[in-house]
Amino acid sequence: MSRSITLTFDNGPTSAVTPHVLDVLARHGIRATFFVLGQNLASKEGLALACRAREEGHWIGNHTYTHDVPLGASSDPFAPQQEIGRTQALIGELSHPDRLFRPFGGGGVLGPHLLSREALAFLREGRFTCVLWNSIPRDWDDPEGWPRTALAQARGQDWTLSVLHDYETGAMARLEPYIEQALAEGFRFRQEFPPDCVPLVRGVPVRPMEAFVSNGQPSSFPQET
């Protein structure tokens, strides 16, 4: 059985990068998931890009409104509604039926800073599906070399869920060469998520979530650099 890669793109949509990403994916017949920021959907242009992505068969997920502070590191009890609820309202009919949500990780590290107890309750009550990851090539930090990291991470596991970013760092200029190399090595791109990266499905925990939820006090988190 060939190894698989699922591509996801966070922090968009942006007019400078998302159209290029969509063009590359279309050329290779790859469908991905775009975890969008509410503040980017608030513009007519951003919403149009999300509509294009959905029309081309990509899934649209929620990645908070501001991408400012991880929910598990926030002391604001209203943060889940402000960050998740507002964004979901903007996504509207573009939403995947499973109401996909990806928490802000602060550099891609998994830990209790991802969610507060209030955020988990909000996700459960709203029947959201929480999508994590098992590959962080740090494209924002290494816009030229990230494909090497992404391929190395993918070679070490059967099914990789990779987090990339469709905003302006120059990194997505390397998206097509990365895809071509992965295909040459026999990887198969698929849209579904590895089950072990999805601990919450339609509001129901299907895997332990304690490691991703703060203990009632704001958790510290690693900063993106």
N, C-alpha and C. Protein backbone atom coordinates (compact mmCIF):
# COMPACT_ATOMS: atom_id res chain seq x y z
N MET A 1 0.84 -1.19 0.00
CA MET A 1 0.00 0.00 0.00
C MET A 1 0.88 1.25 0.00
N SER A 2 0.56 2.22 -0.86
CA SER A 2 1.35 3.43 -0.93
C SER A 2 1.09 4.30 0.29
N ARG A 3 2.10 5.08 0.65
CA ARG A 3 1.93 6.02 1.74
C ARG A 3 1.11 7.21 1.27
N SER A 4 0.42 7.85 2.21
CA SER A 4 -0.52 8.91 1.86
C SER A 4 -0.13 10.23 2.50
N ILE A 5 -0.51 11.31 1.82
CA ILE A 5 -0.33 12.67 2.34
C ILE A 5 -1.66 13.40 2.19
N THR A 6 -2.10 14.02 3.27
CA THR A 6 -3.24 14.93 3.24
C THR A 6 -2.72 16.34 3.43
N LEU A 7 -3.04 17.21 2.49
CA LEU A 7 -2.60 18.60 2.56
C LEU A 7 -3.68 19.48 3.17
N THR A 8 -3.27 20.33 4.10
CA THR A 8 -4.15 21.34 4.66
C THR A 8 -3.43 22.67 4.64
N PHE A 9 -4.20 23.73 4.49
CA PHE A 9 -3.63 25.08 4.39
C PHE A 9 -4.32 25.97 5.42
N ASP A 10 -3.53 26.58 6.29
CA ASP A 10 -4.04 27.41 7.37
C ASP A 10 -3.81 28.90 7.09
N ASN A 11 -4.63 29.72 7.74
CA ASN A 11 -4.43 31.17 7.88
C ASN A 11 -4.84 31.99 6.67
N GLY A 12 -5.38 31.39 5.64
CA GLY A 12 -5.87 32.15 4.50
C GLY A 12 -7.35 32.47 4.69
N PRO A 13 -8.01 32.77 3.56
CA PRO A 13 -7.43 32.93 2.23
C PRO A 13 -6.80 34.31 2.06
N THR A 14 -5.79 34.36 1.18
CA THR A 14 -5.15 35.63 0.85
C THR A 14 -5.09 35.77 -0.67
N SER A 15 -5.31 36.97 -1.15
CA SER A 15 -5.36 37.19 -2.60
C SER A 15 -4.02 36.98 -3.27
N ALA A 16 -2.92 37.13 -2.51
CA ALA A 16 -1.59 37.01 -3.10
C ALA A 16 -1.13 35.56 -3.25
N VAL A 17 -1.72 34.65 -2.47
CA VAL A 17 -1.18 33.28 -2.43
C VAL A 17 -2.23 32.21 -2.72
N THR A 18 -3.43 32.35 -2.19
CA THR A 18 -4.43 31.29 -2.34
C THR A 18 -4.75 30.94 -3.79
N PRO A 19 -4.88 31.91 -4.71
CA PRO A 19 -5.15 31.53 -6.10
C PRO A 19 -4.05 30.64 -6.68
N HIS A 20 -2.80 30.94 -6.36
CA HIS A 20 -1.69 30.10 -6.84
C HIS A 20 -1.80 28.69 -6.28
N VAL A 21 -2.09 28.58 -5.00
CA VAL A 21 -2.24 27.26 -4.38
C VAL A 21 -3.36 26.48 -5.07
N LEU A 22 -4.48 27.12 -5.31
CA LEU A 22 -5.60 26.45 -5.97
C LEU A 22 -5.23 26.02 -7.38
N ASP A 23 -4.49 26.85 -8.09
CA ASP A 23 -4.06 26.50 -9.45
C ASP A 23 -3.17 25.26 -9.43
N VAL A 24 -2.22 25.22 -8.50
CA VAL A 24 -1.30 24.08 -8.41
C VAL A 24 -2.07 22.81 -8.07
N LEU A 25 -2.94 22.89 -7.10
CA LEU A 25 -3.72 21.71 -6.72
C LEU A 25 -4.57 21.22 -7.88
N ALA A 26 -5.15 22.14 -8.64
CA ALA A 26 -5.99 21.75 -9.77
C ALA A 26 -5.17 21.04 -10.84
N ARG A 27 -3.97 21.52 -11.08
CA ARG A 27 -3.13 20.89 -12.11
C ARG A 27 -2.82 19.44 -11.77
N HIS A 28 -2.77 19.14 -10.49
CA HIS A 28 -2.40 17.78 -10.07
C HIS A 28 -3.60 16.97 -9.59
N GLY A 29 -4.79 17.54 -9.69
CA GLY A 29 -5.98 16.81 -9.28
C GLY A 29 -6.03 16.49 -7.80
N ILE A 30 -5.46 17.38 -6.98
CA ILE A 30 -5.40 17.16 -5.54
C ILE A 30 -6.46 18.02 -4.85
N ARG A 31 -7.18 17.41 -3.93
CA ARG A 31 -8.13 18.16 -3.11
C ARG A 31 -7.61 18.23 -1.68
N ALA A 32 -7.74 19.41 -1.11
CA ALA A 32 -7.17 19.68 0.21
C ALA A 32 -8.25 20.29 1.11
N THR A 33 -7.83 20.72 2.29
CA THR A 33 -8.71 21.45 3.21
C THR A 33 -8.06 22.78 3.54
N PHE A 34 -8.86 23.83 3.48
CA PHE A 34 -8.40 25.17 3.83
C PHE A 34 -9.03 25.56 5.17
N PHE A 35 -8.18 25.70 6.19
CA PHE A 35 -8.64 26.14 7.50
C PHE A 35 -8.47 27.66 7.55
N VAL A 36 -9.58 28.36 7.41
CA VAL A 36 -9.56 29.79 7.16
C VAL A 36 -9.67 30.60 8.46
N LEU A 37 -9.19 31.83 8.38
CA LEU A 37 -9.35 32.79 9.47
C LEU A 37 -10.59 33.63 9.21
N GLY A 38 -11.39 33.83 10.25
CA GLY A 38 -12.59 34.63 10.09
C GLY A 38 -12.29 36.04 9.62
N GLN A 39 -11.21 36.63 10.12
CA GLN A 39 -10.90 38.00 9.73
C GLN A 39 -10.58 38.12 8.25
N ASN A 40 -10.13 37.03 7.63
CA ASN A 40 -9.88 37.05 6.19
C ASN A 40 -11.16 36.82 5.39
N LEU A 41 -12.10 36.08 5.96
CA LEU A 41 -13.38 35.87 5.28
C LEU A 41 -14.27 37.10 5.36
N ALA A 42 -13.95 38.02 6.25
CA ALA A 42 -14.79 39.19 6.44
C ALA A 42 -14.75 40.13 5.24
N SER A 43 -13.76 39.96 4.36
CA SER A 43 -13.68 40.78 3.16
C SER A 43 -14.36 40.07 2.00
N LYS A 44 -14.87 40.84 1.06
CA LYS A 44 -15.53 40.27 -0.12
C LYS A 44 -14.57 39.40 -0.91
N GLU A 45 -13.32 39.86 -1.01
CA GLU A 45 -12.31 39.11 -1.76
C GLU A 45 -11.99 37.78 -1.08
N GLY A 46 -11.84 37.81 0.23
CA GLY A 46 -11.54 36.58 0.96
C GLY A 46 -12.66 35.57 0.84
N LEU A 47 -13.89 36.04 0.95
CA LEU A 47 -15.03 35.14 0.82
C LEU A 47 -15.10 34.54 -0.57
N ALA A 48 -14.78 35.34 -1.59
CA ALA A 48 -14.80 34.84 -2.97
C ALA A 48 -13.76 33.74 -3.16
N LEU A 49 -12.60 33.87 -2.54
CA LEU A 49 -11.58 32.84 -2.64
C LEU A 49 -12.02 31.55 -1.95
N ALA A 50 -12.66 31.69 -0.80
CA ALA A 50 -13.17 30.50 -0.12
C ALA A 50 -14.25 29.82 -0.96
N CYS A 51 -15.08 30.62 -1.62
CA CYS A 51 -16.10 30.06 -2.51
C CYS A 51 -15.45 29.31 -3.66
N ARG A 52 -14.41 29.89 -4.23
CA ARG A 52 -13.71 29.20 -5.32
C ARG A 52 -13.15 27.86 -4.84
N ALA A 53 -12.51 27.88 -3.69
CA ALA A 53 -11.93 26.64 -3.15
C ALA A 53 -13.02 25.58 -2.97
N ARG A 54 -14.14 25.98 -2.41
CA ARG A 54 -15.22 25.01 -2.19
C ARG A 54 -15.76 24.49 -3.52
N GLU A 55 -15.92 25.36 -4.50
CA GLU A 55 -16.43 24.95 -5.81
C GLU A 55 -15.49 23.97 -6.50
N GLU A 56 -14.19 24.07 -6.19
CA GLU A 56 -13.21 23.19 -6.82
C GLU A 56 -13.02 21.90 -6.03
N GLY A 57 -13.86 21.68 -5.05
CA GLY A 57 -13.86 20.40 -4.34
C GLY A 57 -13.06 20.36 -3.05
N HIS A 58 -12.52 21.49 -2.63
CA HIS A 58 -11.77 21.53 -1.38
C HIS A 58 -12.73 21.73 -0.21
N TRP A 59 -12.29 21.29 0.96
CA TRP A 59 -13.09 21.46 2.16
C TRP A 59 -12.68 22.74 2.87
N ILE A 60 -13.64 23.40 3.50
CA ILE A 60 -13.40 24.63 4.24
C ILE A 60 -13.57 24.35 5.73
N GLY A 61 -12.55 24.68 6.50
CA GLY A 61 -12.60 24.51 7.94
C GLY A 61 -12.34 25.83 8.66
N ASN A 62 -12.56 25.82 9.95
CA ASN A 62 -12.50 26.98 10.82
C ASN A 62 -11.16 26.97 11.58
N HIS A 63 -10.43 28.08 11.52
CA HIS A 63 -9.13 28.17 12.21
C HIS A 63 -9.07 29.40 13.12
N THR A 64 -10.20 29.72 13.73
CA THR A 64 -10.40 30.88 14.61
C THR A 64 -10.53 32.17 13.80
N TYR A 65 -10.90 33.22 14.48
CA TYR A 65 -11.13 34.50 13.81
C TYR A 65 -9.85 35.31 13.67
N THR A 66 -9.08 35.43 14.76
CA THR A 66 -7.91 36.31 14.75
C THR A 66 -6.57 35.59 14.70
N HIS A 67 -6.53 34.31 15.11
CA HIS A 67 -5.25 33.57 15.18
C HIS A 67 -4.28 34.33 16.08
N ASP A 68 -4.79 34.81 17.19
CA ASP A 68 -4.00 35.68 18.06
C ASP A 68 -3.39 34.90 19.23
N VAL A 69 -4.24 34.29 20.05
CA VAL A 69 -3.79 33.53 21.21
C VAL A 69 -4.47 32.17 21.18
N PRO A 70 -3.74 31.07 21.36
CA PRO A 70 -4.40 29.76 21.43
C PRO A 70 -5.49 29.76 22.50
N LEU A 71 -6.55 29.07 22.22
CA LEU A 71 -7.71 29.13 23.12
C LEU A 71 -7.39 28.62 24.52
N GLY A 72 -6.48 27.66 24.62
CA GLY A 72 -6.11 27.15 25.93
C GLY A 72 -5.21 28.08 26.71
N ALA A 73 -4.70 29.12 26.04
CA ALA A 73 -3.85 30.11 26.69
C ALA A 73 -4.60 31.39 26.98
N SER A 74 -5.89 31.41 26.68
CA SER A 74 -6.71 32.60 26.88
C SER A 74 -7.48 32.51 28.19
N SER A 75 -7.61 33.63 28.87
CA SER A 75 -8.40 33.68 30.10
C SER A 75 -9.79 34.24 29.85
N ASP A 76 -10.11 34.51 28.59
CA ASP A 76 -11.40 35.10 28.22
C ASP A 76 -12.45 34.00 28.03
N PRO A 77 -13.45 33.93 28.88
CA PRO A 77 -14.47 32.87 28.74
C PRO A 77 -15.32 33.02 27.48
N PHE A 78 -15.29 34.21 26.88
CA PHE A 78 -16.07 34.44 25.66
C PHE A 78 -15.26 34.18 24.39
N ALA A 79 -14.00 33.80 24.55
CA ALA A 79 -13.14 33.58 23.39
C ALA A 79 -13.68 32.52 22.43
N PRO A 80 -14.23 31.40 22.91
CA PRO A 80 -14.74 30.41 21.95
C PRO A 80 -15.79 30.97 21.00
N GLN A 81 -16.73 31.75 21.53
CA GLN A 81 -17.75 32.34 20.67
C GLN A 81 -17.13 33.36 19.72
N GLN A 82 -16.23 34.20 20.25
CA GLN A 82 -15.62 35.23 19.42
C GLN A 82 -14.73 34.64 18.34
N GLU A 83 -13.99 33.60 18.67
CA GLU A 83 -13.03 33.04 17.73
C GLU A 83 -13.63 31.95 16.83
N ILE A 84 -14.38 31.03 17.42
CA ILE A 84 -14.93 29.92 16.65
C ILE A 84 -16.30 30.28 16.09
N GLY A 85 -17.17 30.79 16.94
CA GLY A 85 -18.54 31.07 16.53
C GLY A 85 -18.62 32.12 15.43
N ARG A 86 -17.90 33.22 15.58
CA ARG A 86 -17.93 34.27 14.55
C ARG A 86 -17.42 33.74 13.22
N THR A 87 -16.35 32.96 13.27
CA THR A 87 -15.79 32.43 12.03
C THR A 87 -16.75 31.46 11.36
N GLN A 88 -17.38 30.60 12.15
CA GLN A 88 -18.31 29.63 11.57
C GLN A 88 -19.49 30.34 10.92
N ALA A 89 -19.92 31.44 11.51
CA ALA A 89 -21.02 32.20 10.91
C ALA A 89 -20.63 32.75 9.55
N LEU A 90 -19.38 33.17 9.40
CA LEU A 90 -18.91 33.68 8.12
C LEU A 90 -18.74 32.56 7.10
N ILE A 91 -18.30 31.41 7.56
CA ILE A 91 -18.15 30.26 6.65
C ILE A 91 -19.51 29.84 6.11
N GLY A 92 -20.50 29.83 6.95
CA GLY A 92 -21.87 29.58 6.53
C GLY A 92 -22.03 28.31 5.71
N GLU A 93 -22.63 28.45 4.54
CA GLU A 93 -22.94 27.30 3.69
C GLU A 93 -21.70 26.67 3.06
N LEU A 94 -20.56 27.33 3.18
CA LEU A 94 -19.31 26.75 2.66
C LEU A 94 -18.78 25.65 3.57
N SER A 95 -19.35 25.53 4.74
CA SER A 95 -18.84 24.59 5.74
C SER A 95 -18.95 23.15 5.29
N HIS A 96 -17.95 22.37 5.65
CA HIS A 96 -18.04 20.92 5.53
C HIS A 96 -19.15 20.44 6.47
N PRO A 97 -19.89 19.40 6.11
CA PRO A 97 -20.96 18.92 6.99
C PRO A 97 -20.50 18.57 8.41
N ASP A 98 -19.23 18.20 8.55
CA ASP A 98 -18.71 17.84 9.87
C ASP A 98 -18.23 19.04 10.68
N ARG A 99 -18.37 20.25 10.13
CA ARG A 99 -17.99 21.48 10.83
C ARG A 99 -16.55 21.37 11.34
N LEU A 100 -15.63 21.37 10.42
CA LEU A 100 -14.22 21.15 10.73
C LEU A 100 -13.64 22.35 11.46
N PHE A 101 -12.86 22.06 12.50
CA PHE A 101 -12.18 23.11 13.26
C PHE A 101 -10.76 22.67 13.57
N ARG A 102 -9.83 23.58 13.36
CA ARG A 102 -8.44 23.34 13.75
C ARG A 102 -8.01 24.43 14.72
N PRO A 103 -7.57 24.07 15.91
CA PRO A 103 -7.09 25.08 16.86
C PRO A 103 -5.76 25.67 16.43
N PHE A 104 -5.53 26.90 16.85
CA PHE A 104 -4.24 27.56 16.65
C PHE A 104 -3.24 26.95 17.62
N GLY A 105 -2.10 26.49 17.09
CA GLY A 105 -1.15 25.78 17.92
C GLY A 105 0.03 26.58 18.42
N GLY A 106 0.26 27.77 17.88
CA GLY A 106 1.42 28.53 18.32
C GLY A 106 2.71 27.85 17.95
N GLY A 107 2.98 27.75 16.65
CA GLY A 107 4.19 27.08 16.18
C GLY A 107 3.99 25.62 15.84
N GLY A 108 2.75 25.16 15.90
CA GLY A 108 2.45 23.79 15.50
C GLY A 108 2.68 22.74 16.56
N VAL A 109 2.89 23.15 17.80
CA VAL A 109 3.13 22.20 18.88
C VAL A 109 1.79 21.75 19.47
N LEU A 110 1.62 20.45 19.66
CA LEU A 110 0.42 19.94 20.31
C LEU A 110 0.58 20.02 21.82
N GLY A 111 -0.50 20.38 22.52
CA GLY A 111 -0.42 20.48 23.98
C GLY A 111 -1.68 21.09 24.55
N PRO A 112 -1.72 21.29 25.87
CA PRO A 112 -2.93 21.80 26.53
C PRO A 112 -3.24 23.26 26.21
N HIS A 113 -2.32 23.94 25.52
CA HIS A 113 -2.60 25.31 25.12
C HIS A 113 -3.59 25.39 23.96
N LEU A 114 -3.90 24.26 23.32
CA LEU A 114 -4.77 24.29 22.14
C LEU A 114 -6.20 24.70 22.47
N LEU A 115 -6.74 24.18 23.57
CA LEU A 115 -8.14 24.39 23.88
C LEU A 115 -8.33 24.67 25.37
N SER A 116 -9.26 25.54 25.68
CA SER A 116 -9.72 25.71 27.06
C SER A 116 -10.89 24.76 27.29
N ARG A 117 -11.28 24.61 28.54
CA ARG A 117 -12.46 23.79 28.82
C ARG A 117 -13.70 24.37 28.16
N GLU A 118 -13.76 25.71 28.17
CA GLU A 118 -14.90 26.37 27.52
C GLU A 118 -14.91 26.12 26.02
N ALA A 119 -13.72 26.13 25.41
CA ALA A 119 -13.63 25.88 23.97
C ALA A 119 -14.06 24.46 23.63
N LEU A 120 -13.62 23.50 24.44
CA LEU A 120 -14.03 22.11 24.19
C LEU A 120 -15.54 21.97 24.32
N ALA A 121 -16.11 22.60 25.34
CA ALA A 121 -17.56 22.54 25.51
C ALA A 121 -18.27 23.17 24.32
N PHE A 122 -17.73 24.27 23.82
CA PHE A 122 -18.32 24.94 22.65
C PHE A 122 -18.28 24.03 21.43
N LEU A 123 -17.15 23.36 21.23
CA LEU A 123 -17.02 22.45 20.10
C LEU A 123 -17.98 21.27 20.23
N ARG A 124 -18.12 20.76 21.44
CA ARG A 124 -19.02 19.62 21.63
C ARG A 124 -20.47 20.03 21.41
N GLU A 125 -20.85 21.15 21.98
CA GLU A 125 -22.23 21.60 21.84
C GLU A 125 -22.55 21.95 20.39
N GLY A 126 -21.56 22.48 19.66
CA GLY A 126 -21.77 22.85 18.26
C GLY A 126 -21.54 21.72 17.28
N ARG A 127 -21.25 20.53 17.78
CA ARG A 127 -21.03 19.35 16.95
C ARG A 127 -19.92 19.58 15.92
N PHE A 128 -18.83 20.17 16.39
CA PHE A 128 -17.67 20.39 15.54
C PHE A 128 -16.80 19.13 15.50
N THR A 129 -15.98 19.05 14.47
CA THR A 129 -14.96 18.01 14.34
C THR A 129 -13.60 18.68 14.44
N CYS A 130 -12.79 18.24 15.40
CA CYS A 130 -11.48 18.85 15.65
C CYS A 130 -10.40 18.10 14.88
N VAL A 131 -9.69 18.83 14.02
CA VAL A 131 -8.67 18.23 13.15
C VAL A 131 -7.30 18.75 13.58
N LEU A 132 -6.44 17.85 14.03
CA LEU A 132 -5.08 18.21 14.43
C LEU A 132 -4.12 17.90 13.28
N TRP A 133 -2.92 17.40 13.56
CA TRP A 133 -1.91 17.23 12.52
C TRP A 133 -0.82 16.31 13.02
N ASN A 134 0.00 15.81 12.09
CA ASN A 134 1.19 15.04 12.48
C ASN A 134 2.42 15.44 11.67
N SER A 135 2.32 16.58 10.97
CA SER A 135 3.46 17.08 10.20
C SER A 135 3.41 18.60 10.14
N ILE A 136 4.48 19.23 10.63
CA ILE A 136 4.62 20.69 10.59
C ILE A 136 5.95 21.01 9.91
N PRO A 137 5.96 21.24 8.60
CA PRO A 137 7.23 21.54 7.92
C PRO A 137 7.77 22.94 8.21
N ARG A 138 7.00 23.76 8.94
CA ARG A 138 7.40 25.13 9.29
C ARG A 138 7.71 25.94 8.04
N ASP A 139 6.79 25.92 7.11
CA ASP A 139 6.98 26.66 5.86
C ASP A 139 7.09 28.16 6.09
N TRP A 140 6.45 28.67 7.15
CA TRP A 140 6.55 30.10 7.44
C TRP A 140 7.95 30.49 7.90
N ASP A 141 8.66 29.54 8.47
CA ASP A 141 9.98 29.80 9.03
C ASP A 141 11.10 29.45 8.05
N ASP A 142 10.80 28.58 7.08
CA ASP A 142 11.80 28.12 6.12
C ASP A 142 11.14 28.04 4.74
N PRO A 143 10.85 29.19 4.12
CA PRO A 143 10.08 29.19 2.88
C PRO A 143 10.75 28.50 1.71
N GLU A 144 12.05 28.34 1.75
CA GLU A 144 12.74 27.64 0.66
C GLU A 144 12.97 26.17 0.97
N GLY A 145 13.25 25.84 2.21
CA GLY A 145 13.64 24.47 2.54
C GLY A 145 12.54 23.58 3.08
N TRP A 146 11.33 24.14 3.27
CA TRP A 146 10.28 23.34 3.89
C TRP A 146 9.95 22.05 3.13
N PRO A 147 10.04 22.00 1.78
CA PRO A 147 9.71 20.72 1.12
C PRO A 147 10.59 19.56 1.58
N ARG A 148 11.85 19.83 1.87
CA ARG A 148 12.73 18.76 2.36
C ARG A 148 12.22 18.24 3.70
N THR A 149 11.84 19.17 4.57
CA THR A 149 11.30 18.77 5.87
C THR A 149 10.00 18.00 5.72
N ALA A 150 9.12 18.50 4.86
CA ALA A 150 7.83 17.84 4.66
C ALA A 150 8.00 16.42 4.13
N LEU A 151 8.90 16.23 3.18
CA LEU A 151 9.12 14.90 2.62
C LEU A 151 9.76 13.97 3.66
N ALA A 152 10.69 14.50 4.43
CA ALA A 152 11.33 13.68 5.47
C ALA A 152 10.30 13.22 6.50
N GLN A 153 9.40 14.13 6.88
CA GLN A 153 8.36 13.75 7.84
C GLN A 153 7.41 12.73 7.25
N ALA A 154 7.07 12.88 5.97
CA ALA A 154 6.15 11.95 5.33
C ALA A 154 6.76 10.56 5.15
N ARG A 155 8.05 10.51 4.92
CA ARG A 155 8.71 9.20 4.74
C ARG A 155 8.68 8.38 6.01
N GLY A 156 8.50 9.04 7.14
CA GLY A 156 8.56 8.33 8.42
C GLY A 156 7.23 7.82 8.94
N GLN A 157 6.15 7.97 8.16
CA GLN A 157 4.85 7.50 8.63
C GLN A 157 3.99 7.11 7.43
N ASP A 158 2.98 6.29 7.69
CA ASP A 158 2.14 5.79 6.61
C ASP A 158 1.19 6.83 6.06
N TRP A 159 0.68 7.70 6.94
CA TRP A 159 -0.32 8.69 6.50
C TRP A 159 -0.01 10.01 7.18
N THR A 160 0.37 10.98 6.39
CA THR A 160 0.79 12.28 6.88
C THR A 160 -0.30 13.32 6.69
N LEU A 161 -0.59 14.08 7.75
CA LEU A 161 -1.48 15.22 7.64
C LEU A 161 -0.61 16.46 7.85
N SER A 162 -0.34 17.15 6.77
CA SER A 162 0.63 18.24 6.77
C SER A 162 -0.05 19.59 6.85
N VAL A 163 0.52 20.49 7.66
CA VAL A 163 0.02 21.85 7.80
C VAL A 163 0.92 22.80 7.02
N LEU A 164 0.34 23.43 5.99
CA LEU A 164 1.01 24.47 5.24
C LEU A 164 0.20 25.76 5.39
N HIS A 165 0.69 26.85 4.82
CA HIS A 165 0.04 28.14 5.02
C HIS A 165 -0.06 28.90 3.70
N ASP A 166 -1.26 29.36 3.37
CA ASP A 166 -1.45 30.12 2.13
C ASP A 166 -1.47 31.63 2.42
N TYR A 167 -0.35 32.10 2.98
CA TYR A 167 -0.16 33.54 3.11
C TYR A 167 1.24 33.89 2.64
N GLU A 168 1.56 35.19 2.68
CA GLU A 168 2.74 35.69 1.98
C GLU A 168 4.03 35.48 2.76
N THR A 169 4.71 34.38 2.47
CA THR A 169 6.07 34.15 2.95
C THR A 169 6.98 33.74 1.80
N GLY A 170 6.40 33.48 0.64
CA GLY A 170 7.14 32.94 -0.49
C GLY A 170 7.20 31.43 -0.51
N ALA A 171 6.71 30.79 0.56
CA ALA A 171 6.84 29.34 0.69
C ALA A 171 6.07 28.57 -0.38
N MET A 172 4.91 29.09 -0.77
CA MET A 172 4.07 28.33 -1.70
C MET A 172 4.60 28.35 -3.13
N ALA A 173 5.66 29.11 -3.38
CA ALA A 173 6.35 28.99 -4.67
C ALA A 173 6.97 27.61 -4.82
N ARG A 174 7.18 26.91 -3.70
CA ARG A 174 7.78 25.56 -3.72
C ARG A 174 6.72 24.46 -3.63
N LEU A 175 5.44 24.83 -3.64
CA LEU A 175 4.40 23.81 -3.49
C LEU A 175 4.42 22.81 -4.64
N GLU A 176 4.49 23.30 -5.87
CA GLU A 176 4.43 22.37 -7.00
C GLU A 176 5.65 21.44 -7.06
N PRO A 177 6.87 21.94 -6.90
CA PRO A 177 8.01 21.00 -6.86
C PRO A 177 7.89 19.97 -5.74
N TYR A 178 7.35 20.38 -4.61
CA TYR A 178 7.14 19.44 -3.50
C TYR A 178 6.17 18.34 -3.91
N ILE A 179 5.05 18.73 -4.49
CA ILE A 179 4.05 17.74 -4.92
C ILE A 179 4.64 16.80 -5.96
N GLU A 180 5.37 17.35 -6.91
CA GLU A 180 5.96 16.51 -7.96
C GLU A 180 6.95 15.51 -7.39
N GLN A 181 7.75 15.93 -6.41
CA GLN A 181 8.71 15.01 -5.80
C GLN A 181 7.99 13.93 -4.99
N ALA A 182 6.94 14.33 -4.27
CA ALA A 182 6.18 13.35 -3.49
C ALA A 182 5.54 12.31 -4.41
N LEU A 183 4.99 12.74 -5.51
CA LEU A 183 4.39 11.80 -6.46
C LEU A 183 5.46 10.88 -7.05
N ALA A 184 6.63 11.45 -7.34
CA ALA A 184 7.71 10.63 -7.90
C ALA A 184 8.17 9.56 -6.92
N GLU A 185 8.03 9.84 -5.62
CA GLU A 185 8.41 8.86 -4.60
C GLU A 185 7.29 7.88 -4.27
N GLY A 186 6.17 8.02 -4.96
CA GLY A 186 5.09 7.06 -4.77
C GLY A 186 4.04 7.42 -3.76
N PHE A 187 4.09 8.64 -3.24
CA PHE A 187 3.05 9.06 -2.29
C PHE A 187 1.73 9.29 -3.02
N ARG A 188 0.65 9.05 -2.31
CA ARG A 188 -0.70 9.31 -2.82
C ARG A 188 -1.31 10.44 -2.01
N PHE A 189 -1.82 11.45 -2.70
CA PHE A 189 -2.49 12.55 -2.01
C PHE A 189 -3.98 12.23 -1.87
N ARG A 190 -4.48 12.44 -0.66
CA ARG A 190 -5.89 12.18 -0.39
C ARG A 190 -6.46 13.29 0.47
N GLN A 191 -7.76 13.43 0.43
CA GLN A 191 -8.40 14.54 1.14
C GLN A 191 -8.79 14.18 2.57
N GLU A 192 -9.07 12.93 2.83
CA GLU A 192 -9.50 12.51 4.16
C GLU A 192 -8.37 12.71 5.18
N PHE A 193 -8.73 12.67 6.46
CA PHE A 193 -7.77 12.86 7.53
C PHE A 193 -7.42 11.53 8.19
N PRO A 194 -6.16 11.37 8.63
CA PRO A 194 -5.82 10.18 9.41
C PRO A 194 -6.66 10.15 10.69
N PRO A 195 -7.27 9.04 11.02
CA PRO A 195 -8.14 9.00 12.20
C PRO A 195 -7.46 9.43 13.49
N ASP A 196 -6.16 9.16 13.63
CA ASP A 196 -5.51 9.52 14.88
C ASP A 196 -5.24 11.01 15.01
N CYS A 197 -5.56 11.79 13.97
CA CYS A 197 -5.45 13.25 14.03
C CYS A 197 -6.79 13.92 14.27
N VAL A 198 -7.82 13.13 14.49
CA VAL A 198 -9.18 13.68 14.65
C VAL A 198 -9.78 13.14 15.96
N PRO A 199 -9.51 13.82 17.08
CA PRO A 199 -9.98 13.30 18.37
C PRO A 199 -11.44 13.59 18.69
N LEU A 200 -12.05 14.51 17.93
CA LEU A 200 -13.44 14.90 18.18
C LEU A 200 -14.19 14.88 16.85
N VAL A 201 -15.25 14.11 16.75
CA VAL A 201 -16.02 13.99 15.51
C VAL A 201 -17.47 14.37 15.77
N ARG A 202 -17.91 15.44 15.12
CA ARG A 202 -19.28 15.94 15.28
C ARG A 202 -19.66 16.07 16.76
N GLY A 203 -18.73 16.61 17.53
CA GLY A 203 -18.98 16.88 18.94
C GLY A 203 -18.76 15.72 19.88
N VAL A 204 -18.39 14.57 19.35
CA VAL A 204 -18.20 13.39 20.19
C VAL A 204 -16.72 13.03 20.26
N PRO A 205 -16.13 12.99 21.46
CA PRO A 205 -14.72 12.56 21.57
C PRO A 205 -14.58 11.10 21.14
N VAL A 206 -13.68 10.85 20.21
CA VAL A 206 -13.42 9.48 19.77
C VAL A 206 -12.01 9.04 20.16
N ARG A 207 -11.24 9.97 20.71
CA ARG A 207 -9.92 9.69 21.25
C ARG A 207 -9.70 10.60 22.45
N PRO A 208 -8.82 10.23 23.36
CA PRO A 208 -8.58 11.06 24.53
C PRO A 208 -8.18 12.48 24.14
N MET A 209 -8.76 13.47 24.82
CA MET A 209 -8.49 14.87 24.50
C MET A 209 -7.81 15.62 25.63
N GLU A 210 -7.56 14.94 26.75
CA GLU A 210 -7.00 15.63 27.92
C GLU A 210 -5.70 16.36 27.60
N ALA A 211 -4.89 15.79 26.72
CA ALA A 211 -3.59 16.38 26.42
C ALA A 211 -3.70 17.69 25.66
N PHE A 212 -4.89 18.00 25.13
CA PHE A 212 -5.07 19.19 24.31
C PHE A 212 -5.94 20.25 24.98
N VAL A 213 -6.26 20.04 26.25
CA VAL A 213 -7.17 20.94 26.96
C VAL A 213 -6.50 21.43 28.24
N SER A 214 -6.54 22.75 28.47
CA SER A 214 -5.94 23.32 29.67
C SER A 214 -6.70 22.87 30.91
N ASN A 215 -6.06 22.97 32.06
CA ASN A 215 -6.64 22.47 33.31
C ASN A 215 -7.48 23.50 34.03
N GLY A 216 -7.90 24.51 33.32
CA GLY A 216 -8.69 25.57 33.94
C GLY A 216 -7.93 26.86 34.10
N GLN A 217 -6.61 26.79 33.99
CA GLN A 217 -5.76 27.96 34.02
C GLN A 217 -5.14 28.13 32.63
N PRO A 218 -4.95 29.38 32.18
CA PRO A 218 -4.34 29.59 30.86
C PRO A 218 -2.98 28.90 30.77
N SER A 219 -2.78 28.15 29.71
CA SER A 219 -1.52 27.42 29.51
C SER A 219 -0.56 28.25 28.69
N SER A 220 0.72 28.14 29.00
CA SER A 220 1.73 28.81 28.17
C SER A 220 1.82 28.08 26.84
N PHE A 221 2.36 28.77 25.84
CA PHE A 221 2.45 28.15 24.53
C PHE A 221 3.69 28.65 23.81
N PRO A 222 4.23 27.85 22.89
CA PRO A 222 5.40 28.27 22.12
C PRO A 222 5.01 29.35 21.12
N GLN A 223 5.87 30.30 20.92
CA GLN A 223 5.61 31.38 19.99
C GLN A 223 6.14 31.03 18.60
N GLU A 224 5.37 31.41 17.57
CA GLU A 224 5.86 31.27 16.20
C GLU A 224 6.97 32.30 15.98
N THR A 225 7.96 31.89 15.23
CA THR A 225 9.04 32.81 14.93
C THR A 225 9.24 32.91 13.44
